[in-house]
Amino acid sequence: MQKSSAYPLPTWLFWVWGILTLVTLTMAPLFDYDETIYAQTAIDMMRHSEWIVPTANGLQFFEKPPFTYYMMDLCFSLFGENAFAARLPSALFTMITAMLLFHFGTRLHSRHFGLMVAAIFLSMLEVGFLAHAAILDAVLNCFIAASLLNYALWLHGGERKHALWTAAMMGVAVSIKGPVGAVVPIMVIMIERLLMGQFRKLLLDIPWLWALALFLLTATPWYLMILAEHGPGFLYEFIWVQNVGRALHPMQGHGGGFHYYIVVFVVSVLPWLAAIPWAFKQGWHTLQGDDALPLLTRLALILTVLVMVLFSFAQTKLPHYISSIYPGIALLLAAAWLRQPLAEKHALNIVRFTLLLLLPVGLLLLLFPVLYPWLQALTHHPRAVAVLAQDIHPGLLTSTFGLLLLATLVWLARQKGARSLLSGLIVTGMVLQFSLLVGLGSFAGKLIQAPTMAIVEQLQQQPQSLPFYSYNLNAPSVSFYAKRNYALMLSGDGAEKLRQMKSPYLLMLRSESRKDLSWLALLKPVLDQGGFLLYSVTATNKGHGKNKVSRLCAG
């Protein structure tokens, strides 16, 4: 084992990461669909003082339990209804996860090991992205990590209280996102004990009465309350449709092949990709043993492989579905770094491979304003063409961050040996995060959300009493920023309902949906931008439009 001074880590990196994360939470408006549907659900619950049944735009939203909505509502009450408050729970729970890794790493091994694990975790690309996203996964991952770390401390130290904490943390994870919060840690624990030939001993050692009581206390209150209010219909929607259904069928267009999460993994663990094969090899050869490092290595390997395999079989796929593995990857890397010194030649190869991967990223950011017209010409998908056709172009900010990333990579190339490589990769990872998040993410947010924000601007000039409908378009960002709900009309009977609807009213839709509403053909939209349309429909122009369409068809 290396002395803790072998790889010095400046603790100020954690403060810098935390401050930069908080400062950049508002770099872009909330993105449709996931960010804004969660934020809008939290807003609706708070406005209507409805703390049991989640609703979005007046419709029941049973996809997820409300734990994270409560966190968002607390932030909204403190900081206002804005992107900063919506994303703050993700940022805070990412920091809490890093603190847990530091705390348990220190207790299980050494303060330096805890610092290493926390720093590696915070420097992974996907971890930074999730810290800036108003979704549930950063909060969920915190409690999954807490359950497994308490389990490790229970095995290592034998204190019964940590077995109880393990059960309680699983229960909270279930209250955040459903069964996955318990399924993943339970399967990891079972496989770990089976590998060690101690599964029967585990069953005998668990304080079942108190553990089950704590699990049920933390996991079930909301489920019991909503079950009492809505009966078995809720269980069908939540368990069968939203959980089992996502595993059996692609939902909301989020599908992908078996290789999907391999690609996600390769990108999301940057800049550590080149070091991971070495860490996996080291971990595989040191699985046995009851000491802290072998135990944490086993848990990390099992967690990573299990989650990758489980979600690869699931038919609905999104990048953040495997994000519970990142604390495990950080544990695996830190344990390998401490267990065996990295050979100078191996360290050089890691640097070279990392530069090969990231130099094109830096050059792309640097040259992005020049390459953007070529990207516009290259795109052929109608929706992408409509978005890119807006008069919005990248500025010098993107190039500035590209230059910063390139300078960091030059500095990384000058690092010699394992002593400085660890700090070099941590700094590079943090620079990569903020270069992409701020340099590219702020532009992408402005570009993608520009049409809905333009709709919001128009809505704010209209009286709140004016009815507002959306045809075949669910864009919760409009509700969130305009502070008013819309009634969603779906294709089919929705088109007929709109035709017979009493005017005046406002109507938003995508441009490709206009063909379903023939009477709109000769009406001039209030707004036509980025493939989005907003109409102000009055009795006069509605009848005028329908009459003209009828005459054209007759002719």
Protein backbone atom coordinates (compact mmCIF):
# COMPACT_ATOMS: atom_id res chain seq x y z
CA MET A 1 0.00 0.00 0.00
CA GLN A 2 1.23 3.49 -0.83
CA LYS A 3 1.62 6.12 1.79
CA SER A 4 -1.06 8.75 1.75
CA SER A 5 1.49 11.31 0.61
CA ALA A 6 2.21 9.33 -2.56
CA TYR A 7 -0.46 11.04 -4.61
CA PRO A 8 -1.13 14.45 -3.05
CA LEU A 9 -4.56 15.87 -3.84
CA PRO A 10 -5.40 19.54 -3.26
CA THR A 11 -8.66 19.74 -1.32
CA TRP A 12 -9.44 23.12 -2.88
CA LEU A 13 -10.48 21.21 -6.02
CA PHE A 14 -13.68 20.16 -4.24
CA TRP A 15 -14.54 23.75 -3.36
CA VAL A 16 -13.82 24.92 -6.89
CA TRP A 17 -16.00 22.17 -8.36
CA GLY A 18 -18.84 22.96 -5.96
CA ILE A 19 -18.75 26.72 -6.55
CA LEU A 20 -18.53 26.37 -10.34
CA THR A 21 -21.42 23.90 -10.31
CA LEU A 22 -23.67 26.25 -8.36
CA VAL A 23 -22.70 29.22 -10.53
CA THR A 24 -23.41 27.36 -13.78
CA LEU A 25 -26.78 25.82 -12.87
CA THR A 26 -28.54 28.60 -14.80
CA MET A 27 -26.27 28.41 -17.87
CA ALA A 28 -29.24 27.18 -19.94
CA PRO A 29 -33.02 27.09 -19.56
CA LEU A 30 -34.54 23.82 -18.41
CA PHE A 31 -34.66 21.30 -21.25
CA ASP A 32 -37.79 19.60 -22.50
CA TYR A 33 -38.93 16.95 -21.77
CA ASP A 34 -37.49 15.36 -18.61
CA GLU A 35 -36.18 18.42 -16.76
CA THR A 36 -39.29 20.47 -17.24
CA ILE A 37 -41.84 17.71 -16.59
CA TYR A 38 -40.28 17.10 -13.17
CA ALA A 39 -40.00 20.82 -12.41
CA GLN A 40 -43.57 21.47 -13.57
CA THR A 41 -44.88 18.57 -11.49
CA ALA A 42 -43.16 20.02 -8.42
CA ILE A 43 -44.63 23.45 -9.19
CA ASP A 44 -48.16 22.07 -9.63
CA MET A 45 -47.93 20.18 -6.33
CA MET A 46 -46.77 23.30 -4.51
CA ARG A 47 -49.33 25.66 -6.10
CA HIS A 48 -52.25 23.34 -5.38
CA SER A 49 -50.95 22.14 -1.98
CA GLU A 50 -51.36 18.60 -3.28
CA TRP A 51 -48.55 16.58 -1.68
CA ILE A 52 -49.72 13.05 -2.45
CA VAL A 53 -50.85 12.90 -6.08
CA PRO A 54 -48.25 14.30 -8.55
CA THR A 55 -49.81 16.27 -11.40
CA ALA A 56 -48.36 17.97 -14.46
CA ASN A 57 -50.49 20.42 -16.41
CA GLY A 58 -53.50 19.24 -14.47
CA LEU A 59 -52.98 15.57 -15.38
CA GLN A 60 -51.98 12.88 -12.91
CA PHE A 61 -48.30 11.99 -13.32
CA PHE A 62 -47.60 8.61 -11.74
CA GLU A 63 -44.24 7.94 -13.39
CA LYS A 64 -42.14 8.65 -10.27
CA PRO A 65 -42.64 9.05 -6.50
CA PRO A 66 -42.60 12.64 -5.20
CA PHE A 67 -39.46 12.65 -2.98
CA THR A 68 -37.44 14.75 -5.44
CA TYR A 69 -40.44 16.99 -6.11
CA TYR A 70 -40.48 17.82 -2.40
CA MET A 71 -36.78 18.75 -2.62
CA MET A 72 -37.48 20.97 -5.64
CA ASP A 73 -40.42 22.62 -3.89
CA LEU A 74 -38.22 23.45 -0.92
CA CYS A 75 -35.70 25.06 -3.28
CA PHE A 76 -38.48 26.90 -5.14
CA SER A 77 -39.75 28.34 -1.88
CA LEU A 78 -36.24 29.57 -1.02
CA PHE A 79 -34.92 30.73 -4.41
CA GLY A 80 -37.96 31.23 -6.61
CA GLU A 81 -39.39 29.21 -9.48
CA ASN A 82 -36.36 29.08 -11.76
CA ALA A 83 -33.78 26.73 -13.28
CA PHE A 84 -31.34 27.23 -10.40
CA ALA A 85 -33.85 26.00 -7.83
CA ALA A 86 -35.00 23.10 -10.02
CA ARG A 87 -31.44 21.85 -10.54
CA LEU A 88 -30.16 22.57 -7.04
CA PRO A 89 -31.23 19.18 -5.53
CA SER A 90 -29.17 17.35 -8.17
CA ALA A 91 -26.13 19.52 -7.47
CA LEU A 92 -26.44 19.16 -3.70
CA PHE A 93 -26.95 15.39 -3.75
CA THR A 94 -23.99 14.97 -6.10
CA MET A 95 -21.88 16.83 -3.54
CA ILE A 96 -23.38 14.71 -0.75
CA THR A 97 -22.45 11.55 -2.66
CA ALA A 98 -18.86 12.80 -2.90
CA MET A 99 -18.89 13.54 0.85
CA LEU A 100 -20.18 10.03 1.57
CA LEU A 101 -17.40 8.52 -0.55
CA PHE A 102 -14.88 10.62 1.34
CA HIS A 103 -16.36 9.75 4.76
CA PHE A 104 -16.67 6.01 4.20
CA GLY A 105 -13.39 5.83 2.29
CA THR A 106 -11.68 7.45 5.27
CA ARG A 107 -13.33 5.10 7.79
CA LEU A 108 -12.69 1.98 5.73
CA HIS A 109 -9.12 2.78 4.70
CA SER A 110 -7.58 6.25 5.01
CA ARG A 111 -8.31 9.93 4.55
CA HIS A 112 -6.27 9.97 1.37
CA PHE A 113 -8.27 7.08 -0.09
CA GLY A 114 -11.49 8.97 0.69
CA LEU A 115 -10.16 12.07 -1.04
CA MET A 116 -9.16 10.04 -4.09
CA VAL A 117 -12.56 8.37 -4.45
CA ALA A 118 -14.50 11.62 -4.04
CA ALA A 119 -12.29 13.54 -6.49
CA ILE A 120 -12.40 10.81 -9.15
CA PHE A 121 -16.19 10.62 -8.81
CA LEU A 122 -16.68 14.38 -9.22
CA SER A 123 -14.39 14.54 -12.25
CA MET A 124 -16.35 12.02 -14.38
CA LEU A 125 -18.16 13.62 -17.30
CA GLU A 126 -21.62 12.19 -16.67
CA VAL A 127 -21.47 13.02 -12.95
CA GLY A 128 -21.03 16.70 -13.83
CA PHE A 129 -23.89 16.56 -16.32
CA LEU A 130 -26.26 14.93 -13.82
CA ALA A 131 -25.35 17.54 -11.20
CA HIS A 132 -26.68 20.14 -13.66
CA ALA A 133 -29.89 18.29 -14.55
CA ALA A 134 -33.29 18.67 -12.87
CA ILE A 135 -33.96 14.93 -12.93
CA LEU A 136 -34.09 12.24 -10.25
CA ASP A 137 -30.93 10.24 -10.85
CA ALA A 138 -28.35 12.23 -8.87
CA VAL A 139 -30.61 11.99 -5.82
CA LEU A 140 -31.30 8.28 -6.38
CA ASN A 141 -27.61 7.46 -6.87
CA CYS A 142 -26.73 9.13 -3.58
CA PHE A 143 -28.92 6.73 -1.61
CA ILE A 144 -27.91 3.63 -3.57
CA ALA A 145 -24.27 4.52 -2.85
CA ALA A 146 -25.12 5.19 0.82
CA SER A 147 -26.76 1.76 1.17
CA LEU A 148 -23.75 -0.08 -0.31
CA LEU A 149 -21.20 1.95 1.67
CA ASN A 150 -23.05 1.24 4.91
CA TYR A 151 -23.14 -2.43 3.97
CA ALA A 152 -19.34 -2.39 3.43
CA LEU A 153 -18.82 -0.72 6.81
CA TRP A 154 -21.14 -3.26 8.46
CA LEU A 155 -19.11 -6.18 7.06
CA HIS A 156 -15.81 -4.50 7.86
CA GLY A 157 -16.59 -3.28 11.38
CA GLY A 158 -19.45 -5.53 12.43
CA GLU A 159 -21.57 -2.69 13.86
CA ARG A 160 -25.25 -3.59 13.59
CA LYS A 161 -26.31 0.04 13.12
CA HIS A 162 -24.76 0.07 9.65
CA ALA A 163 -26.92 -2.90 8.61
CA LEU A 164 -29.93 -0.84 9.67
CA TRP A 165 -28.65 2.20 7.79
CA THR A 166 -28.28 -0.02 4.70
CA ALA A 167 -31.96 -0.96 4.90
CA ALA A 168 -33.07 2.61 5.55
CA MET A 169 -31.09 4.00 2.60
CA MET A 170 -32.61 1.37 0.28
CA GLY A 171 -36.04 2.44 1.46
CA VAL A 172 -35.36 6.10 0.69
CA ALA A 173 -34.07 5.06 -2.77
CA VAL A 174 -37.38 3.26 -3.39
CA SER A 175 -39.24 6.43 -2.39
CA ILE A 176 -37.25 8.35 -5.02
CA LYS A 177 -37.62 6.22 -8.13
CA GLY A 178 -39.40 3.00 -7.29
CA PRO A 179 -38.27 -0.65 -7.05
CA VAL A 180 -34.90 -0.07 -8.71
CA GLY A 181 -33.75 1.68 -5.51
CA ALA A 182 -33.84 -1.65 -3.66
CA VAL A 183 -33.35 -4.15 -6.51
CA VAL A 184 -29.86 -2.90 -7.44
CA PRO A 185 -28.28 -2.82 -3.94
CA ILE A 186 -29.95 -6.09 -2.86
CA MET A 187 -28.67 -7.90 -5.94
CA VAL A 188 -25.16 -6.47 -5.45
CA ILE A 189 -25.12 -7.61 -1.81
CA MET A 190 -26.45 -11.08 -2.64
CA ILE A 191 -23.92 -11.65 -5.43
CA GLU A 192 -21.06 -10.38 -3.26
CA ARG A 193 -21.89 -12.80 -0.42
CA LEU A 194 -22.42 -15.70 -2.86
CA LEU A 195 -18.97 -15.08 -4.34
CA MET A 196 -17.50 -15.22 -0.85
CA GLY A 197 -19.48 -18.36 0.07
CA GLN A 198 -21.14 -16.55 2.97
CA PHE A 199 -24.70 -16.05 1.75
CA ARG A 200 -26.23 -18.22 4.48
CA LYS A 201 -24.23 -16.36 7.13
CA LEU A 202 -25.51 -13.05 5.75
CA LEU A 203 -29.12 -14.22 6.11
CA LEU A 204 -28.46 -15.20 9.72
CA ASP A 205 -26.61 -11.99 10.60
CA ILE A 206 -29.17 -9.50 9.26
CA PRO A 207 -31.27 -7.98 12.07
CA TRP A 208 -34.42 -8.71 10.09
CA LEU A 209 -37.04 -7.22 12.39
CA TRP A 210 -35.49 -3.77 12.66
CA ALA A 211 -34.10 -3.78 9.10
CA LEU A 212 -37.50 -4.55 7.55
CA ALA A 213 -39.20 -2.03 9.83
CA LEU A 214 -36.78 0.73 8.77
CA PHE A 215 -37.07 -0.21 5.10
CA LEU A 216 -40.86 -0.13 5.19
CA LEU A 217 -40.85 3.12 7.19
CA THR A 218 -38.66 4.89 4.61
CA ALA A 219 -40.02 3.22 1.46
CA THR A 220 -43.77 2.83 1.77
CA PRO A 221 -45.56 5.89 3.28
CA TRP A 222 -46.29 7.61 -0.05
CA TYR A 223 -47.21 4.34 -1.78
CA LEU A 224 -49.68 3.48 0.98
CA MET A 225 -51.27 6.95 0.93
CA ILE A 226 -51.70 7.03 -2.83
CA LEU A 227 -52.90 3.43 -2.89
CA ALA A 228 -55.56 4.33 -0.33
CA GLU A 229 -56.64 7.28 -2.48
CA HIS A 230 -56.48 5.69 -5.95
CA GLY A 231 -56.66 1.96 -5.35
CA PRO A 232 -55.16 -0.75 -7.61
CA GLY A 233 -55.29 1.54 -10.65
CA PHE A 234 -52.24 3.34 -9.35
CA LEU A 235 -50.32 0.06 -8.91
CA TYR A 236 -51.08 -0.92 -12.51
CA GLU A 237 -49.86 2.43 -13.86
CA PHE A 238 -46.78 2.74 -11.64
CA ILE A 239 -45.58 -0.88 -11.39
CA TRP A 240 -46.74 -2.46 -14.63
CA VAL A 241 -46.66 0.46 -17.10
CA GLN A 242 -43.87 2.67 -15.74
CA ASN A 243 -41.50 -0.03 -14.41
CA VAL A 244 -42.19 -3.41 -16.02
CA GLY A 245 -43.36 -1.74 -19.22
CA ARG A 246 -40.12 0.21 -19.60
CA ALA A 247 -38.16 -3.04 -19.32
CA LEU A 248 -40.28 -4.89 -21.87
CA HIS A 249 -40.90 -2.18 -24.47
CA PRO A 250 -39.21 1.04 -25.65
CA MET A 251 -41.22 3.96 -24.25
CA GLN A 252 -41.43 7.54 -25.57
CA GLY A 253 -39.04 6.62 -28.40
CA HIS A 254 -36.15 5.79 -26.04
CA GLY A 255 -34.88 2.52 -27.48
CA GLY A 256 -31.46 1.22 -28.45
CA GLY A 257 -29.43 -1.89 -29.20
CA PHE A 258 -27.51 -4.06 -26.75
CA HIS A 259 -24.39 -1.96 -27.38
CA TYR A 260 -26.15 1.25 -26.26
CA TYR A 261 -24.69 1.40 -22.76
CA ILE A 262 -21.23 0.44 -23.92
CA VAL A 263 -21.18 3.66 -25.94
CA VAL A 264 -22.67 5.59 -23.00
CA PHE A 265 -20.05 4.13 -20.65
CA VAL A 266 -17.14 5.03 -22.94
CA VAL A 267 -18.21 8.68 -23.05
CA SER A 268 -19.55 9.12 -19.53
CA VAL A 269 -16.42 7.99 -17.63
CA LEU A 270 -14.08 10.39 -19.44
CA PRO A 271 -11.28 11.26 -18.77
CA TRP A 272 -10.78 7.92 -16.93
CA LEU A 273 -11.52 5.56 -19.82
CA ALA A 274 -7.88 4.72 -20.51
CA ALA A 275 -7.24 3.78 -16.85
CA ILE A 276 -10.36 1.62 -16.39
CA PRO A 277 -9.09 -1.59 -18.12
CA TRP A 278 -6.03 -1.51 -15.85
CA ALA A 279 -8.23 -0.92 -12.78
CA PHE A 280 -10.59 -3.76 -13.77
CA LYS A 281 -7.64 -6.11 -14.23
CA GLN A 282 -6.20 -5.13 -10.85
CA GLY A 283 -9.59 -5.56 -9.22
CA TRP A 284 -10.25 -8.95 -10.80
CA HIS A 285 -7.01 -10.36 -9.37
CA THR A 286 -7.76 -9.08 -5.85
CA LEU A 287 -11.42 -10.04 -5.38
CA GLN A 288 -10.86 -12.29 -2.38
CA GLY A 289 -10.24 -11.04 1.11
CA ASP A 290 -12.12 -9.31 3.90
CA ASP A 291 -9.96 -6.19 4.00
CA ALA A 292 -11.49 -2.89 2.94
CA LEU A 293 -9.93 -2.60 -0.52
CA PRO A 294 -10.88 -6.13 -1.74
CA LEU A 295 -14.39 -5.66 -0.29
CA LEU A 296 -14.90 -2.29 -2.00
CA THR A 297 -13.41 -3.64 -5.22
CA ARG A 298 -15.87 -6.56 -5.23
CA LEU A 299 -18.82 -4.27 -4.64
CA ALA A 300 -17.63 -1.87 -7.35
CA LEU A 301 -17.13 -4.61 -9.95
CA ILE A 302 -20.44 -6.30 -9.19
CA LEU A 303 -22.34 -2.98 -9.24
CA THR A 304 -20.83 -1.96 -12.58
CA VAL A 305 -21.35 -5.27 -14.37
CA LEU A 306 -24.81 -5.88 -12.89
CA VAL A 307 -26.20 -2.45 -13.81
CA MET A 308 -24.70 -2.56 -17.32
CA VAL A 309 -26.18 -6.01 -18.01
CA LEU A 310 -29.60 -5.36 -16.42
CA PHE A 311 -30.23 -2.12 -18.29
CA SER A 312 -28.83 -3.48 -21.55
CA PHE A 313 -31.61 -6.09 -21.49
CA ALA A 314 -34.22 -3.43 -20.68
CA GLN A 315 -35.90 -2.12 -23.83
CA THR A 316 -36.27 1.53 -22.74
CA LYS A 317 -32.85 3.15 -22.69
CA LEU A 318 -31.59 6.55 -21.58
CA PRO A 319 -27.97 7.48 -20.74
CA HIS A 320 -28.64 8.24 -17.07
CA TYR A 321 -30.23 4.85 -16.35
CA ILE A 322 -26.78 3.36 -15.59
CA SER A 323 -25.53 6.35 -13.59
CA SER A 324 -25.54 4.46 -10.26
CA ILE A 325 -22.26 2.84 -11.37
CA TYR A 326 -20.11 5.99 -11.11
CA PRO A 327 -19.43 5.81 -7.35
CA GLY A 328 -18.40 2.19 -7.98
CA ILE A 329 -16.06 3.17 -10.82
CA ALA A 330 -14.47 5.78 -8.55
CA LEU A 331 -13.95 3.18 -5.80
CA LEU A 332 -12.46 0.74 -8.28
CA LEU A 333 -9.98 3.28 -9.69
CA ALA A 334 -8.91 4.60 -6.28
CA ALA A 335 -8.44 1.08 -4.89
CA ALA A 336 -6.31 0.07 -7.88
CA TRP A 337 -4.24 3.26 -7.59
CA LEU A 338 -3.46 2.54 -3.95
CA ARG A 339 -2.96 -1.20 -4.30
CA GLN A 340 -0.21 -1.22 -6.91
CA PRO A 341 1.98 1.59 -8.22
CA LEU A 342 1.30 2.47 -11.83
CA ALA A 343 4.32 1.75 -14.02
CA GLU A 344 5.82 4.79 -15.74
CA LYS A 345 5.23 3.21 -19.17
CA HIS A 346 1.62 2.44 -18.32
CA ALA A 347 1.05 5.98 -17.03
CA LEU A 348 2.47 7.36 -20.28
CA ASN A 349 0.12 5.17 -22.33
CA ILE A 350 -2.86 6.38 -20.31
CA VAL A 351 -1.89 10.00 -20.98
CA ARG A 352 -1.42 9.33 -24.70
CA PHE A 353 -4.78 7.59 -25.05
CA THR A 354 -6.55 10.34 -23.09
CA LEU A 355 -5.01 12.99 -25.32
CA LEU A 356 -6.08 11.02 -28.40
CA LEU A 357 -9.68 11.05 -27.14
CA LEU A 358 -9.90 14.62 -25.87
CA LEU A 359 -7.79 16.66 -28.29
CA PRO A 360 -10.52 16.40 -30.98
CA VAL A 361 -13.06 17.60 -28.39
CA GLY A 362 -10.94 20.66 -27.59
CA LEU A 363 -10.41 21.41 -31.28
CA LEU A 364 -14.14 21.02 -31.98
CA LEU A 365 -14.99 23.54 -29.26
CA LEU A 366 -12.29 25.93 -30.45
CA LEU A 367 -13.47 25.80 -34.07
CA PHE A 368 -17.18 25.35 -33.41
CA PRO A 369 -18.23 28.86 -34.55
CA VAL A 370 -16.49 28.18 -37.88
CA LEU A 371 -17.82 24.62 -38.24
CA TYR A 372 -21.40 25.49 -37.29
CA PRO A 373 -22.56 26.48 -40.84
CA TRP A 374 -21.24 23.13 -42.10
CA LEU A 375 -23.21 21.36 -39.36
CA GLN A 376 -26.36 23.22 -40.43
CA ALA A 377 -25.89 22.05 -44.02
CA LEU A 378 -25.17 18.47 -42.94
CA THR A 379 -28.45 18.06 -41.00
CA HIS A 380 -31.45 16.55 -42.79
CA HIS A 381 -33.95 15.58 -40.08
CA PRO A 382 -36.88 18.06 -40.40
CA ARG A 383 -36.99 18.97 -36.72
CA ALA A 384 -33.21 19.45 -36.52
CA VAL A 385 -33.27 21.53 -39.70
CA ALA A 386 -35.97 23.78 -38.23
CA VAL A 387 -34.03 24.27 -34.98
CA LEU A 388 -30.69 24.94 -36.68
CA ALA A 389 -32.29 27.36 -39.15
CA GLN A 390 -32.90 29.88 -36.35
CA ASP A 391 -30.79 33.01 -36.38
CA ILE A 392 -28.77 31.86 -33.37
CA HIS A 393 -25.05 31.24 -33.70
CA PRO A 394 -22.25 30.17 -31.33
CA GLY A 395 -20.03 32.93 -30.01
CA LEU A 396 -16.56 33.28 -28.58
CA LEU A 397 -17.52 31.59 -25.30
CA THR A 398 -17.43 28.16 -26.97
CA SER A 399 -14.02 28.86 -28.50
CA THR A 400 -12.70 30.20 -25.18
CA PHE A 401 -13.57 26.97 -23.39
CA GLY A 402 -12.09 24.98 -26.26
CA LEU A 403 -8.83 26.88 -25.79
CA LEU A 404 -8.98 26.25 -22.02
CA LEU A 405 -9.45 22.51 -22.58
CA LEU A 406 -6.58 22.37 -25.06
CA ALA A 407 -4.31 24.20 -22.60
CA THR A 408 -5.29 21.71 -19.88
CA LEU A 409 -4.45 18.80 -22.18
CA VAL A 410 -1.02 20.31 -22.93
CA TRP A 411 -0.47 20.55 -19.17
CA LEU A 412 -1.61 16.92 -18.74
CA ALA A 413 0.89 15.79 -21.38
CA ARG A 414 3.66 17.29 -19.27
CA GLN A 415 2.72 15.25 -16.20
CA LYS A 416 5.27 12.52 -15.56
CA GLY A 417 4.48 9.26 -13.79
CA ALA A 418 1.69 8.10 -11.53
CA ARG A 419 2.33 10.69 -8.81
CA SER A 420 1.10 13.57 -10.92
CA LEU A 421 -1.14 11.61 -13.32
CA LEU A 422 -3.91 11.18 -10.74
CA SER A 423 -4.21 14.93 -10.05
CA GLY A 424 -3.76 15.61 -13.77
CA LEU A 425 -6.72 13.43 -14.76
CA ILE A 426 -8.91 14.89 -11.99
CA VAL A 427 -8.22 18.46 -13.12
CA THR A 428 -8.66 17.47 -16.78
CA GLY A 429 -12.02 15.85 -16.00
CA MET A 430 -13.31 18.94 -14.23
CA VAL A 431 -12.17 21.23 -17.05
CA LEU A 432 -13.78 18.89 -19.60
CA GLN A 433 -17.07 18.98 -17.68
CA PHE A 434 -17.35 22.75 -17.55
CA SER A 435 -15.98 23.22 -21.07
CA LEU A 436 -18.81 21.11 -22.48
CA LEU A 437 -21.46 22.28 -20.02
CA VAL A 438 -20.79 26.00 -20.34
CA GLY A 439 -19.01 26.27 -23.67
CA LEU A 440 -21.37 24.02 -25.61
CA GLY A 441 -24.29 23.43 -23.23
CA SER A 442 -25.23 27.08 -22.88
CA PHE A 443 -25.40 27.48 -26.66
CA ALA A 444 -27.31 24.20 -27.10
CA GLY A 445 -29.81 25.24 -24.42
CA LYS A 446 -30.35 28.63 -26.00
CA LEU A 447 -30.78 27.08 -29.46
CA ILE A 448 -33.04 24.16 -28.55
CA GLN A 449 -35.24 26.03 -26.10
CA ALA A 450 -35.45 29.27 -28.11
CA PRO A 451 -38.81 28.37 -29.74
CA THR A 452 -40.51 27.49 -26.46
CA MET A 453 -39.04 30.54 -24.74
CA ALA A 454 -40.39 32.67 -27.60
CA ILE A 455 -43.83 31.11 -27.02
CA VAL A 456 -43.49 31.95 -23.33
CA GLU A 457 -42.76 35.58 -24.20
CA GLN A 458 -45.93 35.74 -26.31
CA LEU A 459 -48.02 34.06 -23.61
CA GLN A 460 -46.90 36.55 -21.00
CA GLN A 461 -48.53 39.30 -23.09
CA GLN A 462 -51.89 37.50 -23.06
CA PRO A 463 -54.45 37.46 -20.21
CA GLN A 464 -54.28 34.42 -17.93
CA SER A 465 -58.00 33.83 -18.49
CA LEU A 466 -57.49 33.08 -22.20
CA PRO A 467 -57.68 29.28 -22.74
CA PHE A 468 -54.41 27.68 -23.89
CA TYR A 469 -54.20 24.39 -25.79
CA SER A 470 -51.40 22.30 -27.20
CA TYR A 471 -51.92 19.90 -30.08
CA ASN A 472 -49.75 16.77 -30.07
CA LEU A 473 -46.96 18.69 -28.32
CA ASN A 474 -45.99 18.19 -24.69
CA ALA A 475 -43.55 20.99 -23.86
CA PRO A 476 -43.63 21.48 -20.06
CA SER A 477 -41.03 24.27 -20.29
CA VAL A 478 -43.80 26.49 -21.64
CA SER A 479 -45.91 25.85 -18.52
CA PHE A 480 -42.94 26.25 -16.20
CA TYR A 481 -41.68 29.57 -17.55
CA ALA A 482 -45.06 31.10 -18.51
CA LYS A 483 -46.55 30.05 -15.14
CA ARG A 484 -49.70 28.74 -16.78
CA ASN A 485 -50.87 25.26 -17.78
CA TYR A 486 -52.08 24.10 -21.16
CA ALA A 487 -54.59 21.41 -22.09
CA LEU A 488 -52.94 18.73 -24.21
CA MET A 489 -54.94 17.56 -27.24
CA LEU A 490 -53.64 14.40 -28.89
CA SER A 491 -53.96 13.47 -32.56
CA GLY A 492 -57.22 11.81 -33.50
CA ASP A 493 -60.09 13.04 -31.39
CA GLY A 494 -57.96 16.04 -30.30
CA ALA A 495 -58.14 17.52 -33.80
CA GLU A 496 -61.92 17.27 -33.83
CA LYS A 497 -62.22 18.76 -30.35
CA LEU A 498 -60.13 21.77 -31.41
CA ARG A 499 -62.26 22.27 -34.52
CA GLN A 500 -65.36 22.49 -32.38
CA MET A 501 -63.72 24.43 -29.55
CA LYS A 502 -65.26 27.77 -28.63
CA SER A 503 -62.90 30.63 -29.42
CA PRO A 504 -60.95 32.72 -28.57
CA TYR A 505 -58.03 30.56 -27.42
CA LEU A 506 -54.30 30.08 -27.90
CA LEU A 507 -52.91 27.01 -29.62
CA MET A 508 -49.35 25.73 -29.89
CA LEU A 509 -48.15 22.83 -32.01
CA ARG A 510 -45.25 21.61 -34.11
CA SER A 511 -45.23 22.64 -37.76
CA GLU A 512 -45.56 19.04 -39.00
CA SER A 513 -48.83 18.68 -37.03
CA ARG A 514 -50.47 21.58 -38.85
CA LYS A 515 -51.65 19.24 -41.62
CA ASP A 516 -54.04 17.58 -39.12
CA LEU A 517 -55.84 20.91 -38.59
CA SER A 518 -56.79 21.91 -42.12
CA TRP A 519 -58.65 25.02 -40.98
CA LEU A 520 -55.30 26.46 -39.75
CA ALA A 521 -53.80 26.41 -43.25
CA LEU A 522 -54.72 30.00 -44.11
CA LEU A 523 -54.35 31.49 -40.64
CA LYS A 524 -51.24 33.44 -39.82
CA PRO A 525 -49.47 32.21 -36.69
CA VAL A 526 -48.51 34.63 -33.97
CA LEU A 527 -45.16 32.85 -33.84
CA ASP A 528 -43.37 30.51 -36.25
CA GLN A 529 -39.90 29.58 -34.99
CA GLY A 530 -37.73 26.48 -34.92
CA GLY A 531 -40.54 24.18 -36.02
CA PHE A 532 -42.98 25.48 -33.37
CA LEU A 533 -46.18 27.42 -34.07
CA LEU A 534 -48.38 29.54 -31.84
CA TYR A 535 -51.83 30.66 -33.00
CA SER A 536 -54.29 33.09 -31.50
CA VAL A 537 -57.61 31.66 -32.65
CA THR A 538 -60.62 33.97 -32.59
CA ALA A 539 -64.18 33.43 -33.80
CA THR A 540 -63.48 35.64 -36.82
CA ASN A 541 -60.23 34.16 -38.07
CA LYS A 542 -61.28 30.59 -37.20
CA GLY A 543 -64.43 30.80 -39.31
CA HIS A 544 -62.61 32.72 -42.04
CA GLY A 545 -59.91 30.09 -42.23
CA LYS A 546 -62.36 27.18 -42.33
CA ASN A 547 -64.47 28.81 -45.04
CA LYS A 548 -61.43 29.46 -47.24
CA VAL A 549 -60.21 25.89 -46.82
CA SER A 550 -63.68 24.59 -47.70
CA ARG A 551 -63.80 26.73 -50.86
CA LEU A 552 -60.32 25.62 -51.91
CA CYS A 553 -61.24 21.98 -51.40
CA ALA A 554 -64.50 22.43 -53.32
CA GLY A 555 -62.65 24.08 -56.19
